[in-house]
Amino acid sequence: MELALIHRKHNEGRILKPIGIRINFHNNGDGELEKVTFKGCDIPDNPELSKAQTLRDRLVNVLERGSMPLKDLTEELEKPEGTIRATLNRHKDTFVNLGKEWGLKAYEP
């Protein structure tokens, strides 16, 4: 089972990014529960959990695979074109318009 811990509200600070947790149930030979283990998981790897991320983070995850046209981004993320375009333009430090496609800006460490 995978789940996400989502920070929704904080009066005095920044909201933290969601944390993914994988819960494994281990049974013995008789089918009885023997132990439960917890391990971190990547939220972007789970289609349902990834919806808990901000749209900016979801765009970064998609564009890490390579640049894409706006239309493909709207289909992949199932969001209106105007919403995607506004997010891309709002975060000019992260995204770059490559003409007909959008990509991630390169960073130097």
PDB file of N, CA and C in Angstrom:
ATOM      1  N   MET A   1       0.851  -1.156   0.000  1.00  0.00           N
ATOM      2  CA  MET A   1       0.000   0.000   0.000  1.00  0.00           C
ATOM      3  C   MET A   1       0.907   1.232   0.000  1.00  0.00           C
ATOM      4  N   GLU A   2       0.543   2.224  -0.785  1.00  0.00           N
ATOM      5  CA  GLU A   2       1.271   3.483  -0.797  1.00  0.00           C
ATOM      6  C   GLU A   2       0.331   4.612  -0.407  1.00  0.00           C
ATOM      7  N   LEU A   3       0.868   5.538   0.360  1.00  0.00           N
ATOM      8  CA  LEU A   3       0.068   6.694   0.749  1.00  0.00           C
ATOM      9  C   LEU A   3       0.961   7.920   0.801  1.00  0.00           C
ATOM     10  N   ALA A   4       0.328   9.075   0.876  1.00  0.00           N
ATOM     11  CA  ALA A   4       1.065  10.336   0.922  1.00  0.00           C
ATOM     12  C   ALA A   4       0.632  11.130   2.145  1.00  0.00           C
ATOM     13  N   LEU A   5       1.611  11.671   2.844  1.00  0.00           N
ATOM     14  CA  LEU A   5       1.337  12.611   3.930  1.00  0.00           C
ATOM     15  C   LEU A   5       1.390  14.004   3.317  1.00  0.00           C
ATOM     16  N   ILE A   6       0.288  14.722   3.439  1.00  0.00           N
ATOM     17  CA  ILE A   6       0.166  16.013   2.765  1.00  0.00           C
ATOM     18  C   ILE A   6      -0.014  17.117   3.791  1.00  0.00           C
ATOM     19  N   HIS A   7       0.867  18.093   3.740  1.00  0.00           N
ATOM     20  CA  HIS A   7       0.820  19.250   4.635  1.00  0.00           C
ATOM     21  C   HIS A   7      -0.126  20.277   3.998  1.00  0.00           C
ATOM     22  N   ARG A   8      -1.274  20.500   4.590  1.00  0.00           N
ATOM     23  CA  ARG A   8      -2.288  21.374   4.009  1.00  0.00           C
ATOM     24  C   ARG A   8      -2.264  22.801   4.545  1.00  0.00           C
ATOM     25  N   LYS A   9      -1.924  22.978   5.824  1.00  0.00           N
ATOM     26  CA  LYS A   9      -2.044  24.314   6.402  1.00  0.00           C
ATOM     27  C   LYS A   9      -0.955  24.551   7.424  1.00  0.00           C
ATOM     28  N   HIS A  10      -0.439  25.785   7.418  1.00  0.00           N
ATOM     29  CA  HIS A  10       0.532  26.201   8.428  1.00  0.00           C
ATOM     30  C   HIS A  10       0.404  27.715   8.562  1.00  0.00           C
ATOM     31  N   ASN A  11       0.167  28.173   9.752  1.00  0.00           N
ATOM     32  CA  ASN A  11      -0.059  29.601   9.955  1.00  0.00           C
ATOM     33  C   ASN A  11       1.210  30.437   9.921  1.00  0.00           C
ATOM     34  N   GLU A  12       2.346  29.842  10.295  1.00  0.00           N
ATOM     35  CA  GLU A  12       3.569  30.622  10.414  1.00  0.00           C
ATOM     36  C   GLU A  12       4.735  29.970   9.684  1.00  0.00           C
ATOM     37  N   GLY A  13       4.628  29.804   8.402  1.00  0.00           N
ATOM     38  CA  GLY A  13       5.746  29.224   7.663  1.00  0.00           C
ATOM     39  C   GLY A  13       5.291  28.649   6.337  1.00  0.00           C
ATOM     40  N   ARG A  14       6.205  27.921   5.727  1.00  0.00           N
ATOM     41  CA  ARG A  14       5.932  27.335   4.419  1.00  0.00           C
ATOM     42  C   ARG A  14       5.316  25.948   4.575  1.00  0.00           C
ATOM     43  N   ILE A  15       4.508  25.602   3.620  1.00  0.00           N
ATOM     44  CA  ILE A  15       3.940  24.260   3.589  1.00  0.00           C
ATOM     45  C   ILE A  15       4.995  23.320   3.025  1.00  0.00           C
ATOM     46  N   LEU A  16       5.170  22.179   3.678  1.00  0.00           N
ATOM     47  CA  LEU A  16       6.155  21.190   3.257  1.00  0.00           C
ATOM     48  C   LEU A  16       5.628  20.350   2.096  1.00  0.00           C
ATOM     49  N   LYS A  17       6.551  19.812   1.312  1.00  0.00           N
ATOM     50  CA  LYS A  17       6.163  18.960   0.185  1.00  0.00           C
ATOM     51  C   LYS A  17       5.597  17.643   0.705  1.00  0.00           C
ATOM     52  N   PRO A  18       4.701  17.007  -0.072  1.00  0.00           N
ATOM     53  CA  PRO A  18       4.157  15.719   0.346  1.00  0.00           C
ATOM     54  C   PRO A  18       5.256  14.665   0.508  1.00  0.00           C
ATOM     55  N   ILE A  19       5.022  13.736   1.420  1.00  0.00           N
ATOM     56  CA  ILE A  19       5.948  12.641   1.682  1.00  0.00           C
ATOM     57  C   ILE A  19       5.242  11.335   1.321  1.00  0.00           C
ATOM     58  N   GLY A  20       5.891  10.511   0.512  1.00  0.00           N
ATOM     59  CA  GLY A  20       5.323   9.217   0.125  1.00  0.00           C
ATOM     60  C   GLY A  20       5.797   8.118   1.059  1.00  0.00           C
ATOM     61  N   ILE A  21       4.887   7.215   1.425  1.00  0.00           N
ATOM     62  CA  ILE A  21       5.205   6.096   2.305  1.00  0.00           C
ATOM     63  C   ILE A  21       4.627   4.816   1.700  1.00  0.00           C
ATOM     64  N   ARG A  22       5.461   3.781   1.632  1.00  0.00           N
ATOM     65  CA  ARG A  22       5.012   2.453   1.184  1.00  0.00           C
ATOM     66  C   ARG A  22       4.919   1.567   2.419  1.00  0.00           C
ATOM     67  N   ILE A  23       3.757   0.931   2.601  1.00  0.00           N
ATOM     68  CA  ILE A  23       3.536   0.025   3.729  1.00  0.00           C
ATOM     69  C   ILE A  23       3.452  -1.392   3.179  1.00  0.00           C
ATOM     70  N   ASN A  24       4.325  -2.256   3.689  1.00  0.00           N
ATOM     71  CA  ASN A  24       4.335  -3.661   3.273  1.00  0.00           C
ATOM     72  C   ASN A  24       3.854  -4.529   4.427  1.00  0.00           C
ATOM     73  N   PHE A  25       2.928  -5.430   4.154  1.00  0.00           N
ATOM     74  CA  PHE A  25       2.404  -6.369   5.139  1.00  0.00           C
ATOM     75  C   PHE A  25       3.015  -7.728   4.843  1.00  0.00           C
ATOM     76  N   HIS A  26       3.666  -8.315   5.824  1.00  0.00           N
ATOM     77  CA  HIS A  26       4.342  -9.604   5.656  1.00  0.00           C
ATOM     78  C   HIS A  26       3.600 -10.663   6.461  1.00  0.00           C
ATOM     79  N   ASN A  27       3.183 -11.732   5.784  1.00  0.00           N
ATOM     80  CA  ASN A  27       2.473 -12.830   6.426  1.00  0.00           C
ATOM     81  C   ASN A  27       3.401 -14.019   6.604  1.00  0.00           C
ATOM     82  N   ASN A  28       3.129 -14.828   7.632  1.00  0.00           N
ATOM     83  CA  ASN A  28       3.886 -16.060   7.805  1.00  0.00           C
ATOM     84  C   ASN A  28       3.248 -17.157   6.955  1.00  0.00           C
ATOM     85  N   GLY A  29       3.725 -18.385   7.056  1.00  0.00           N
ATOM     86  CA  GLY A  29       3.218 -19.489   6.243  1.00  0.00           C
ATOM     87  C   GLY A  29       1.755 -19.806   6.487  1.00  0.00           C
ATOM     88  N   ASP A  30       1.230 -19.450   7.647  1.00  0.00           N
ATOM     89  CA  ASP A  30      -0.173 -19.720   7.980  1.00  0.00           C
ATOM     90  C   ASP A  30      -1.109 -18.610   7.517  1.00  0.00           C
ATOM     91  N   GLY A  31      -0.569 -17.584   6.896  1.00  0.00           N
ATOM     92  CA  GLY A  31      -1.379 -16.463   6.435  1.00  0.00           C
ATOM     93  C   GLY A  31      -1.644 -15.426   7.503  1.00  0.00           C
ATOM     94  N   GLU A  32      -1.011 -15.574   8.663  1.00  0.00           N
ATOM     95  CA  GLU A  32      -1.183 -14.598   9.730  1.00  0.00           C
ATOM     96  C   GLU A  32      -0.178 -13.466   9.558  1.00  0.00           C
ATOM     97  N   LEU A  33      -0.609 -12.282   9.915  1.00  0.00           N
ATOM     98  CA  LEU A  33       0.261 -11.113   9.813  1.00  0.00           C
ATOM     99  C   LEU A  33       1.436 -11.265  10.771  1.00  0.00           C
ATOM    100  N   GLU A  34       2.629 -11.190  10.214  1.00  0.00           N
ATOM    101  CA  GLU A  34       3.842 -11.353  11.009  1.00  0.00           C
ATOM    102  C   GLU A  34       4.488 -10.012  11.339  1.00  0.00           C
ATOM    103  N   LYS A  35       4.566  -9.145  10.330  1.00  0.00           N
ATOM    104  CA  LYS A  35       5.147  -7.821  10.563  1.00  0.00           C
ATOM    105  C   LYS A  35       4.674  -6.846   9.488  1.00  0.00           C
ATOM    106  N   VAL A  36       4.834  -5.578   9.805  1.00  0.00           N
ATOM    107  CA  VAL A  36       4.507  -4.487   8.893  1.00  0.00           C
ATOM    108  C   VAL A  36       5.760  -3.624   8.782  1.00  0.00           C
ATOM    109  N   THR A  37       6.159  -3.306   7.551  1.00  0.00           N
ATOM    110  CA  THR A  37       7.333  -2.441   7.352  1.00  0.00           C
ATOM    111  C   THR A  37       6.918  -1.180   6.604  1.00  0.00           C
ATOM    112  N   PHE A  38       7.624  -0.106   6.895  1.00  0.00           N
ATOM    113  CA  PHE A  38       7.374   1.184   6.276  1.00  0.00           C
ATOM    114  C   PHE A  38       8.633   1.620   5.539  1.00  0.00           C
ATOM    115  N   LYS A  39       8.447   2.162   4.349  1.00  0.00           N
ATOM    116  CA  LYS A  39       9.576   2.630   3.545  1.00  0.00           C
ATOM    117  C   LYS A  39       9.107   3.837   2.739  1.00  0.00           C
ATOM    118  N   GLY A  40      10.016   4.755   2.468  1.00  0.00           N
ATOM    119  CA  GLY A  40       9.669   5.912   1.644  1.00  0.00           C
ATOM    120  C   GLY A  40       9.418   5.490   0.200  1.00  0.00           C
ATOM    121  N   CYS A  41       8.586   6.232  -0.500  1.00  0.00           N
ATOM    122  CA  CYS A  41       8.351   5.973  -1.924  1.00  0.00           C
ATOM    123  C   CYS A  41       8.279   7.312  -2.657  1.00  0.00           C
ATOM    124  N   ASP A  42       8.526   7.255  -3.953  1.00  0.00           N
ATOM    125  CA  ASP A  42       8.469   8.463  -4.779  1.00  0.00           C
ATOM    126  C   ASP A  42       7.036   8.730  -5.197  1.00  0.00           C
ATOM    127  N   ILE A  43       6.529   9.868  -4.810  1.00  0.00           N
ATOM    128  CA  ILE A  43       5.149  10.229  -5.138  1.00  0.00           C
ATOM    129  C   ILE A  43       4.929  10.321  -6.653  1.00  0.00           C
ATOM    130  N   PRO A  44       5.883  10.876  -7.434  1.00  0.00           N
ATOM    131  CA  PRO A  44       5.642  10.966  -8.880  1.00  0.00           C
ATOM    132  C   PRO A  44       5.477   9.612  -9.575  1.00  0.00           C
ATOM    133  N   ASP A  45       5.970   8.535  -8.962  1.00  0.00           N
ATOM    134  CA  ASP A  45       5.858   7.210  -9.571  1.00  0.00           C
ATOM    135  C   ASP A  45       4.462   6.610  -9.433  1.00  0.00           C
ATOM    136  N   ASN A  46       3.630   7.174  -8.579  1.00  0.00           N
ATOM    137  CA  ASN A  46       2.281   6.666  -8.367  1.00  0.00           C
ATOM    138  C   ASN A  46       1.296   7.681  -8.954  1.00  0.00           C
ATOM    139  N   PRO A  47       0.551   7.288 -10.003  1.00  0.00           N
ATOM    140  CA  PRO A  47      -0.351   8.250 -10.664  1.00  0.00           C
ATOM    141  C   PRO A  47      -1.377   8.898  -9.728  1.00  0.00           C
ATOM    142  N   GLU A  48      -1.896   8.155  -8.776  1.00  0.00           N
ATOM    143  CA  GLU A  48      -2.885   8.723  -7.858  1.00  0.00           C
ATOM    144  C   GLU A  48      -2.232   9.665  -6.848  1.00  0.00           C
ATOM    145  N   LEU A  49      -1.107   9.245  -6.294  1.00  0.00           N
ATOM    146  CA  LEU A  49      -0.438  10.074  -5.295  1.00  0.00           C
ATOM    147  C   LEU A  49       0.158  11.331  -5.906  1.00  0.00           C
ATOM    148  N   SER A  50       0.568  11.260  -7.167  1.00  0.00           N
ATOM    149  CA  SER A  50       1.195  12.431  -7.797  1.00  0.00           C
ATOM    150  C   SER A  50       0.233  13.608  -7.897  1.00  0.00           C
ATOM    151  N   LYS A  51      -1.058  13.342  -7.845  1.00  0.00           N
ATOM    152  CA  LYS A  51      -2.049  14.415  -7.898  1.00  0.00           C
ATOM    153  C   LYS A  51      -2.016  15.269  -6.628  1.00  0.00           C
ATOM    154  N   ALA A  52      -1.353  14.784  -5.580  1.00  0.00           N
ATOM    155  CA  ALA A  52      -1.223  15.547  -4.342  1.00  0.00           C
ATOM    156  C   ALA A  52      -0.151  16.626  -4.460  1.00  0.00           C
ATOM    157  N   GLN A  53       0.720  16.510  -5.469  1.00  0.00           N
ATOM    158  CA  GLN A  53       1.781  17.490  -5.659  1.00  0.00           C
ATOM    159  C   GLN A  53       1.227  18.781  -6.244  1.00  0.00           C
ATOM    160  N   THR A  54       1.993  19.853  -6.086  1.00  0.00           N
ATOM    161  CA  THR A  54       1.607  21.102  -6.731  1.00  0.00           C
ATOM    162  C   THR A  54       1.737  20.924  -8.241  1.00  0.00           C
ATOM    163  N   LEU A  55       1.033  21.737  -8.991  1.00  0.00           N
ATOM    164  CA  LEU A  55       1.114  21.658 -10.443  1.00  0.00           C
ATOM    165  C   LEU A  55       2.535  21.947 -10.917  1.00  0.00           C
ATOM    166  N   ARG A  56       3.224  22.864 -10.252  1.00  0.00           N
ATOM    167  CA  ARG A  56       4.609  23.163 -10.613  1.00  0.00           C
ATOM    168  C   ARG A  56       5.476  21.912 -10.494  1.00  0.00           C
ATOM    169  N   ASP A  57       5.354  21.185  -9.386  1.00  0.00           N
ATOM    170  CA  ASP A  57       6.146  19.976  -9.187  1.00  0.00           C
ATOM    171  C   ASP A  57       5.779  18.887 -10.188  1.00  0.00           C
ATOM    172  N   ARG A  58       4.496  18.781 -10.508  1.00  0.00           N
ATOM    173  CA  ARG A  58       4.078  17.792 -11.512  1.00  0.00           C
ATOM    174  C   ARG A  58       4.649  18.139 -12.880  1.00  0.00           C
ATOM    175  N   LEU A  59       4.677  19.435 -13.216  1.00  0.00           N
ATOM    176  CA  LEU A  59       5.265  19.857 -14.492  1.00  0.00           C
ATOM    177  C   LEU A  59       6.756  19.541 -14.537  1.00  0.00           C
ATOM    178  N   VAL A  60       7.452  19.788 -13.433  1.00  0.00           N
ATOM    179  CA  VAL A  60       8.884  19.468 -13.380  1.00  0.00           C
ATOM    180  C   VAL A  60       9.093  17.980 -13.620  1.00  0.00           C
ATOM    181  N   ASN A  61       8.300  17.134 -12.972  1.00  0.00           N
ATOM    182  CA  ASN A  61       8.435  15.684 -13.139  1.00  0.00           C
ATOM    183  C   ASN A  61       8.228  15.260 -14.592  1.00  0.00           C
ATOM    184  N   VAL A  62       7.257  15.845 -15.263  1.00  0.00           N
ATOM    185  CA  VAL A  62       6.981  15.492 -16.661  1.00  0.00           C
ATOM    186  C   VAL A  62       8.084  16.013 -17.573  1.00  0.00           C
ATOM    187  N   LEU A  63       8.518  17.260 -17.360  1.00  0.00           N
ATOM    188  CA  LEU A  63       9.503  17.873 -18.254  1.00  0.00           C
ATOM    189  C   LEU A  63      10.929  17.369 -18.006  1.00  0.00           C
ATOM    190  N   GLU A  64      11.155  16.640 -16.927  1.00  0.00           N
ATOM    191  CA  GLU A  64      12.465  16.015 -16.721  1.00  0.00           C
ATOM    192  C   GLU A  64      12.748  14.974 -17.806  1.00  0.00           C
ATOM    193  N   ARG A  65      11.695  14.440 -18.409  1.00  0.00           N
ATOM    194  CA  ARG A  65      11.845  13.457 -19.499  1.00  0.00           C
ATOM    195  C   ARG A  65      12.180  14.129 -20.826  1.00  0.00           C
ATOM    196  N   GLY A  66      11.993  15.440 -20.906  1.00  0.00           N
ATOM    197  CA  GLY A  66      12.277  16.194 -22.125  1.00  0.00           C
ATOM    198  C   GLY A  66      11.201  17.228 -22.388  1.00  0.00           C
ATOM    199  N   SER A  67      11.494  18.170 -23.283  1.00  0.00           N
ATOM    200  CA  SER A  67      10.547  19.251 -23.580  1.00  0.00           C
ATOM    201  C   SER A  67       9.307  18.692 -24.258  1.00  0.00           C
ATOM    202  N   MET A  68       8.195  19.421 -24.095  1.00  0.00           N
ATOM    203  CA  MET A  68       6.909  18.983 -24.642  1.00  0.00           C
ATOM    204  C   MET A  68       6.082  20.185 -25.070  1.00  0.00           C
ATOM    205  N   PRO A  69       5.226  19.999 -26.077  1.00  0.00           N
ATOM    206  CA  PRO A  69       4.276  21.054 -26.435  1.00  0.00           C
ATOM    207  C   PRO A  69       3.220  21.225 -25.328  1.00  0.00           C
ATOM    208  N   LEU A  70       2.649  22.404 -25.250  1.00  0.00           N
ATOM    209  CA  LEU A  70       1.639  22.703 -24.239  1.00  0.00           C
ATOM    210  C   LEU A  70       0.470  21.722 -24.310  1.00  0.00           C
ATOM    211  N   LYS A  71       0.064  21.373 -25.519  1.00  0.00           N
ATOM    212  CA  LYS A  71      -1.071  20.456 -25.687  1.00  0.00           C
ATOM    213  C   LYS A  71      -0.787  19.103 -25.036  1.00  0.00           C
ATOM    214  N   ASP A  72       0.430  18.590 -25.198  1.00  0.00           N
ATOM    215  CA  ASP A  72       0.792  17.306 -24.600  1.00  0.00           C
ATOM    216  C   ASP A  72       0.832  17.401 -23.077  1.00  0.00           C
ATOM    217  N   LEU A  73       1.277  18.536 -22.562  1.00  0.00           N
ATOM    218  CA  LEU A  73       1.295  18.733 -21.112  1.00  0.00           C
ATOM    219  C   LEU A  73      -0.116  18.727 -20.538  1.00  0.00           C
ATOM    220  N   THR A  74      -1.059  19.361 -21.243  1.00  0.00           N
ATOM    221  CA  THR A  74      -2.442  19.393 -20.758  1.00  0.00           C
ATOM    222  C   THR A  74      -3.048  17.988 -20.752  1.00  0.00           C
ATOM    223  N   GLU A  75      -2.719  17.194 -21.756  1.00  0.00           N
ATOM    224  CA  GLU A  75      -3.242  15.818 -21.802  1.00  0.00           C
ATOM    225  C   GLU A  75      -2.614  14.957 -20.712  1.00  0.00           C
ATOM    226  N   GLU A  76      -1.320  15.100 -20.517  1.00  0.00           N
ATOM    227  CA  GLU A  76      -0.610  14.287 -19.526  1.00  0.00           C
ATOM    228  C   GLU A  76      -1.068  14.595 -18.108  1.00  0.00           C
ATOM    229  N   LEU A  77      -1.255  15.877 -17.806  1.00  0.00           N
ATOM    230  CA  LEU A  77      -1.600  16.285 -16.441  1.00  0.00           C
ATOM    231  C   LEU A  77      -3.094  16.467 -16.216  1.00  0.00           C
ATOM    232  N   GLU A  78      -3.874  16.352 -17.285  1.00  0.00           N
ATOM    233  CA  GLU A  78      -5.337  16.468 -17.202  1.00  0.00           C
ATOM    234  C   GLU A  78      -5.771  17.773 -16.530  1.00  0.00           C
ATOM    235  N   LYS A  79      -5.164  18.859 -16.983  1.00  0.00           N
ATOM    236  CA  LYS A  79      -5.497  20.193 -16.494  1.00  0.00           C
ATOM    237  C   LYS A  79      -5.799  21.087 -17.688  1.00  0.00           C
ATOM    238  N   PRO A  80      -6.586  22.150 -17.502  1.00  0.00           N
ATOM    239  CA  PRO A  80      -6.873  23.069 -18.611  1.00  0.00           C
ATOM    240  C   PRO A  80      -5.610  23.759 -19.117  1.00  0.00           C
ATOM    241  N   GLU A  81      -5.606  24.061 -20.397  1.00  0.00           N
ATOM    242  CA  GLU A  81      -4.450  24.711 -21.030  1.00  0.00           C
ATOM    243  C   GLU A  81      -4.103  26.034 -20.344  1.00  0.00           C
ATOM    244  N   GLY A  82      -5.105  26.812 -19.998  1.00  0.00           N
ATOM    245  CA  GLY A  82      -4.868  28.099 -19.355  1.00  0.00           C
ATOM    246  C   GLY A  82      -4.181  27.955 -17.999  1.00  0.00           C
ATOM    247  N   THR A  83      -4.553  26.952 -17.260  1.00  0.00           N
ATOM    248  CA  THR A  83      -3.946  26.697 -15.947  1.00  0.00           C
ATOM    249  C   THR A  83      -2.484  26.315 -16.103  1.00  0.00           C
ATOM    250  N   ILE A  84      -2.206  25.437 -17.064  1.00  0.00           N
ATOM    251  CA  ILE A  84      -0.824  24.996 -17.307  1.00  0.00           C
ATOM    252  C   ILE A  84       0.013  26.182 -17.785  1.00  0.00           C
ATOM    253  N   ARG A  85      -0.518  26.950 -18.737  1.00  0.00           N
ATOM    254  CA  ARG A  85       0.219  28.088 -19.280  1.00  0.00           C
ATOM    255  C   ARG A  85       0.538  29.110 -18.172  1.00  0.00           C
ATOM    256  N   ALA A  86      -0.442  29.376 -17.309  1.00  0.00           N
ATOM    257  CA  ALA A  86      -0.228  30.340 -16.218  1.00  0.00           C
ATOM    258  C   ALA A  86       0.859  29.855 -15.263  1.00  0.00           C
ATOM    259  N   THR A  87       0.861  28.572 -14.950  1.00  0.00           N
ATOM    260  CA  THR A  87       1.876  28.018 -14.049  1.00  0.00           C
ATOM    261  C   THR A  87       3.257  28.077 -14.685  1.00  0.00           C
ATOM    262  N   LEU A  88       3.348  27.729 -15.960  1.00  0.00           N
ATOM    263  CA  LEU A  88       4.633  27.789 -16.661  1.00  0.00           C
ATOM    264  C   LEU A  88       5.181  29.214 -16.688  1.00  0.00           C
ATOM    265  N   ASN A  89       4.314  30.176 -16.968  1.00  0.00           N
ATOM    266  CA  ASN A  89       4.750  31.577 -17.033  1.00  0.00           C
ATOM    267  C   ASN A  89       5.053  32.160 -15.651  1.00  0.00           C
ATOM    268  N   ARG A  90       4.364  31.690 -14.627  1.00  0.00           N
ATOM    269  CA  ARG A  90       4.576  32.185 -13.273  1.00  0.00           C
ATOM    270  C   ARG A  90       5.937  31.749 -12.733  1.00  0.00           C
ATOM    271  N   HIS A  91       6.438  30.612 -13.203  1.00  0.00           N
ATOM    272  CA  HIS A  91       7.697  30.065 -12.693  1.00  0.00           C
ATOM    273  C   HIS A  91       8.781  30.123 -13.765  1.00  0.00           C
ATOM    274  N   LYS A  92       9.088  31.346 -14.209  1.00  0.00           N
ATOM    275  CA  LYS A  92      10.095  31.532 -15.263  1.00  0.00           C
ATOM    276  C   LYS A  92      11.494  31.135 -14.808  1.00  0.00           C
ATOM    277  N   ASP A  93      11.696  31.019 -13.496  1.00  0.00           N
ATOM    278  CA  ASP A  93      12.992  30.560 -12.994  1.00  0.00           C
ATOM    279  C   ASP A  93      13.168  29.049 -13.167  1.00  0.00           C
ATOM    280  N   THR A  94      12.073  28.343 -13.449  1.00  0.00           N
ATOM    281  CA  THR A  94      12.104  26.887 -13.586  1.00  0.00           C
ATOM    282  C   THR A  94      11.858  26.433 -15.021  1.00  0.00           C
ATOM    283  N   PHE A  95      10.926  27.090 -15.718  1.00  0.00           N
ATOM    284  CA  PHE A  95      10.515  26.655 -17.054  1.00  0.00           C
ATOM    285  C   PHE A  95      10.944  27.651 -18.119  1.00  0.00           C
ATOM    286  N   VAL A  96      11.155  27.142 -19.320  1.00  0.00           N
ATOM    287  CA  VAL A  96      11.550  27.998 -20.428  1.00  0.00           C
ATOM    288  C   VAL A  96      10.705  27.639 -21.659  1.00  0.00           C
ATOM    289  N   ASN A  97      10.264  28.680 -22.368  1.00  0.00           N
ATOM    290  CA  ASN A  97       9.509  28.494 -23.598  1.00  0.00           C
ATOM    291  C   ASN A  97      10.502  28.324 -24.739  1.00  0.00           C
ATOM    292  N   LEU A  98      10.415  27.187 -25.429  1.00  0.00           N
ATOM    293  CA  LEU A  98      11.334  26.869 -26.522  1.00  0.00           C
ATOM    294  C   LEU A  98      10.660  27.032 -27.877  1.00  0.00           C
ATOM    295  N   GLY A  99       9.748  27.963 -27.972  1.00  0.00           N
ATOM    296  CA  GLY A  99       9.004  28.153 -29.219  1.00  0.00           C
ATOM    297  C   GLY A  99       7.691  27.401 -29.146  1.00  0.00           C
ATOM    298  N   LYS A 100       7.644  26.209 -29.740  1.00  0.00           N
ATOM    299  CA  LYS A 100       6.418  25.410 -29.718  1.00  0.00           C
ATOM    300  C   LYS A 100       6.383  24.435 -28.542  1.00  0.00           C
ATOM    301  N   GLU A 101       7.449  24.381 -27.778  1.00  0.00           N
ATOM    302  CA  GLU A 101       7.520  23.465 -26.647  1.00  0.00           C
ATOM    303  C   GLU A 101       7.979  24.185 -25.392  1.00  0.00           C
ATOM    304  N   TRP A 102       7.756  23.529 -24.240  1.00  0.00           N
ATOM    305  CA  TRP A 102       8.232  24.026 -22.967  1.00  0.00           C
ATOM    306  C   TRP A 102       9.240  23.037 -22.408  1.00  0.00           C
ATOM    307  N   GLY A 103      10.234  23.561 -21.699  1.00  0.00           N
ATOM    308  CA  GLY A 103      11.257  22.711 -21.101  1.00  0.00           C
ATOM    309  C   GLY A 103      11.671  23.260 -19.750  1.00  0.00           C
ATOM    310  N   LEU A 104      12.595  22.545 -19.131  1.00  0.00           N
ATOM    311  CA  LEU A 104      13.147  22.998 -17.859  1.00  0.00           C
ATOM    312  C   LEU A 104      14.370  23.848 -18.108  1.00  0.00           C
ATOM    313  N   LYS A 105      14.515  24.889 -17.320  1.00  0.00           N
ATOM    314  CA  LYS A 105      15.692  25.734 -17.400  1.00  0.00           C
ATOM    315  C   LYS A 105      16.887  24.979 -16.833  1.00  0.00           C
ATOM    316  N   ALA A 106      18.031  25.134 -17.441  1.00  0.00           N
ATOM    317  CA  ALA A 106      19.249  24.495 -16.944  1.00  0.00           C
ATOM    318  C   ALA A 106      19.785  25.288 -15.759  1.00  0.00           C
ATOM    319  N   TYR A 107      20.271  24.569 -14.774  1.00  0.00           N
ATOM    320  CA  TYR A 107      20.839  25.205 -13.591  1.00  0.00           C
ATOM    321  C   TYR A 107      22.311  24.822 -13.486  1.00  0.00           C
ATOM    322  N   GLU A 108      23.104  25.768 -13.023  1.00  0.00           N
ATOM    323  CA  GLU A 108      24.514  25.487 -12.760  1.00  0.00           C
ATOM    324  C   GLU A 108      24.695  25.430 -11.255  1.00  0.00           C
ATOM    325  N   PRO A 109      25.302  24.344 -10.739  1.00  0.00           N
ATOM    326  CA  PRO A 109      25.478  24.223  -9.289  1.00  0.00           C
ATOM    327  C   PRO A 109      26.429  25.267  -8.730  1.00  0.00           C
TER     328      PRO A 109
END
